[in-house]
């Protein structure tokens, strides 16, 4: 889906997101995303252990 994005485009998108949401809100979003990924990995590991 995003395979044709270069590093320049990613930097521009990151700057736009930082301006729109602000640093504090961005930190909260990143923390929530990290916790979600951690939980998904845990569930995946549990399923693999059951199999």
N, C-alpha and C. Protein backbone atom coordinates (compact mmCIF):
# COMPACT_ATOMS: atom_id res chain seq x y z
N UNK A 1 0.82 -1.19 0.00
CA UNK A 1 0.00 0.00 0.00
C UNK A 1 0.87 1.26 0.00
N UNK A 2 1.84 1.33 0.92
CA UNK A 2 2.72 2.49 0.99
C UNK A 2 4.13 2.16 0.54
N UNK A 3 4.28 1.18 -0.33
CA UNK A 3 5.60 0.71 -0.72
C UNK A 3 6.36 1.72 -1.56
N UNK A 4 5.68 2.67 -2.18
CA UNK A 4 6.38 3.62 -3.02
C UNK A 4 6.66 4.95 -2.32
N UNK A 5 6.56 4.99 -1.01
CA UNK A 5 6.91 6.20 -0.26
C UNK A 5 8.40 6.24 0.01
N UNK A 6 9.01 7.36 -0.29
CA UNK A 6 10.42 7.53 0.00
C UNK A 6 10.62 8.17 1.36
N UNK A 7 11.88 8.29 1.75
CA UNK A 7 12.16 8.85 3.07
C UNK A 7 11.76 10.32 3.15
N UNK A 8 11.87 11.04 2.05
CA UNK A 8 11.46 12.45 2.05
C UNK A 8 9.98 12.62 2.31
N UNK A 9 9.17 11.78 1.66
CA UNK A 9 7.73 11.85 1.87
C UNK A 9 7.35 11.49 3.30
N UNK A 10 8.04 10.52 3.87
CA UNK A 10 7.75 10.11 5.24
C UNK A 10 8.09 11.24 6.21
N UNK A 11 9.18 11.94 5.98
CA UNK A 11 9.56 13.07 6.83
C UNK A 11 8.52 14.17 6.75
N UNK A 12 8.06 14.48 5.53
CA UNK A 12 7.05 15.53 5.36
C UNK A 12 5.75 15.14 6.07
N UNK A 13 5.33 13.89 5.94
CA UNK A 13 4.12 13.43 6.61
C UNK A 13 4.29 13.52 8.12
N UNK A 14 5.45 13.13 8.63
CA UNK A 14 5.70 13.19 10.07
C UNK A 14 5.63 14.63 10.58
N UNK A 15 6.16 15.57 9.83
CA UNK A 15 6.13 16.98 10.23
C UNK A 15 4.69 17.50 10.23
N UNK A 16 3.92 17.13 9.22
CA UNK A 16 2.52 17.56 9.16
C UNK A 16 1.73 17.00 10.34
N UNK A 17 1.94 15.74 10.65
CA UNK A 17 1.25 15.12 11.79
C UNK A 17 1.65 15.80 13.09
N UNK A 18 2.92 16.12 13.24
CA UNK A 18 3.39 16.81 14.45
C UNK A 18 2.74 18.17 14.59
N UNK A 19 2.62 18.89 13.49
CA UNK A 19 2.00 20.22 13.55
C UNK A 19 0.51 20.10 13.87
N UNK A 20 -0.17 19.13 13.27
CA UNK A 20 -1.61 18.99 13.47
C UNK A 20 -1.96 18.55 14.89
N UNK A 21 -1.25 17.57 15.41
CA UNK A 21 -1.61 16.98 16.69
C UNK A 21 -0.84 17.56 17.87
N UNK A 22 0.32 18.09 17.64
CA UNK A 22 1.13 18.61 18.73
C UNK A 22 1.94 17.49 19.38
N UNK A 23 2.99 17.85 20.06
CA UNK A 23 3.92 16.88 20.62
C UNK A 23 3.27 16.01 21.70
N UNK A 24 2.50 16.60 22.58
CA UNK A 24 1.91 15.84 23.69
C UNK A 24 0.92 14.80 23.18
N UNK A 25 0.05 15.21 22.27
CA UNK A 25 -0.95 14.28 21.72
C UNK A 25 -0.25 13.18 20.92
N UNK A 26 0.81 13.54 20.20
CA UNK A 26 1.55 12.56 19.42
C UNK A 26 2.19 11.51 20.32
N UNK A 27 2.71 11.92 21.47
CA UNK A 27 3.28 10.98 22.43
C UNK A 27 2.22 10.01 22.95
N UNK A 28 1.03 10.52 23.22
CA UNK A 28 -0.07 9.67 23.69
C UNK A 28 -0.47 8.67 22.61
N UNK A 29 -0.54 9.12 21.36
CA UNK A 29 -0.89 8.22 20.26
C UNK A 29 0.17 7.13 20.09
N UNK A 30 1.44 7.51 20.16
CA UNK A 30 2.52 6.53 20.01
C UNK A 30 2.49 5.51 21.15
N UNK A 31 2.23 5.97 22.35
CA UNK A 31 2.15 5.05 23.49
C UNK A 31 1.01 4.06 23.32
N UNK A 32 -0.14 4.54 22.91
CA UNK A 32 -1.29 3.67 22.68
C UNK A 32 -1.02 2.67 21.56
N UNK A 33 -0.38 3.12 20.50
CA UNK A 33 -0.04 2.24 19.39
C UNK A 33 0.95 1.17 19.84
N UNK A 34 1.93 1.55 20.64
CA UNK A 34 2.89 0.59 21.16
C UNK A 34 2.25 -0.47 22.04
N UNK A 35 1.33 -0.05 22.88
CA UNK A 35 0.63 -1.00 23.74
C UNK A 35 -0.24 -1.95 22.92
N UNK A 36 -0.85 -1.42 21.86
CA UNK A 36 -1.68 -2.27 20.99
C UNK A 36 -0.84 -3.32 20.29
N UNK A 37 0.31 -2.91 19.77
CA UNK A 37 1.19 -3.86 19.08
C UNK A 37 1.69 -4.92 20.06
N UNK A 38 2.02 -4.51 21.27
CA UNK A 38 2.47 -5.44 22.30
C UNK A 38 1.40 -6.47 22.63
N UNK A 39 0.15 -6.02 22.75
CA UNK A 39 -0.96 -6.91 23.05
C UNK A 39 -1.22 -7.88 21.90
N UNK A 40 -1.13 -7.40 20.67
CA UNK A 40 -1.34 -8.26 19.50
C UNK A 40 -0.26 -9.33 19.43
N UNK A 41 0.98 -8.97 19.71
CA UNK A 41 2.07 -9.95 19.71
C UNK A 41 1.85 -11.00 20.79
N UNK A 42 1.36 -10.57 21.96
CA UNK A 42 1.08 -11.51 23.05
C UNK A 42 -0.01 -12.50 22.65
N UNK A 43 -1.07 -11.99 22.04
CA UNK A 43 -2.17 -12.85 21.60
C UNK A 43 -1.68 -13.83 20.53
N UNK A 44 -0.87 -13.34 19.62
CA UNK A 44 -0.32 -14.21 18.56
C UNK A 44 0.53 -15.32 19.15
N UNK A 45 1.36 -14.98 20.15
CA UNK A 45 2.20 -15.97 20.80
C UNK A 45 1.34 -17.01 21.52
N UNK A 46 0.29 -16.56 22.20
CA UNK A 46 -0.60 -17.48 22.91
C UNK A 46 -1.27 -18.45 21.93
N UNK A 47 -1.69 -17.95 20.81
CA UNK A 47 -2.34 -18.80 19.80
C UNK A 47 -1.35 -19.80 19.24
N UNK A 48 -0.11 -19.35 18.97
CA UNK A 48 0.91 -20.26 18.45
C UNK A 48 1.25 -21.33 19.47
N UNK A 49 1.27 -20.98 20.76
CA UNK A 49 1.53 -21.96 21.81
C UNK A 49 0.43 -23.00 21.91
N UNK A 50 -0.81 -22.57 21.69
CA UNK A 50 -1.94 -23.50 21.73
C UNK A 50 -1.91 -24.49 20.58
N UNK A 51 -1.41 -24.04 19.46
CA UNK A 51 -1.35 -24.90 18.27
C UNK A 51 -0.14 -25.80 18.43
